[in-house]
Amino acid sequence: MTTYRDLLGLDPDDALITDPDTGCAAYVVPDHDPITPDDWAEGEDWSEAWDMLARGDVYGIVILDPDGKHADSCWGFYEAFSASDPDSYIRAEATSMLAYAVQTYRSSALWVTI
């Protein structure tokens, strides 16, 4: 059976954060669906966003259940991400999302994927 982890080519060892009790994991992956000119508002300056896109500094968070199935995700983080930066906004969001997924996993008899 192909899992979401397989589809994204994610190695379990590459998880940003893993809950050791449940096996739920948070991954930070490049966002392949960034802003486009259609997203521009009149008079808005997207130069910084385009610069981050060109540098590859656009990411998403993917939360997987213990079976590697998609449980949650959030995309469009424009930041210079480093997995070793403990103060990163995206790390804080991933930690919060993983905590919620673990809570849901523990409180439910069945893991419901989105």
Foldseek 3Di string as FASTA:
>chain_A
DDAPCNVVVHDLVQFLDADVVFRKTKHKAQDPDEDDPVPDDPPDDCVLVVVLVVVRQWIKIFIAGNVRHTADIDGGDRDNDDSPDPPDPVVVVRVVVSVVQVVVVVVDPDRDHD
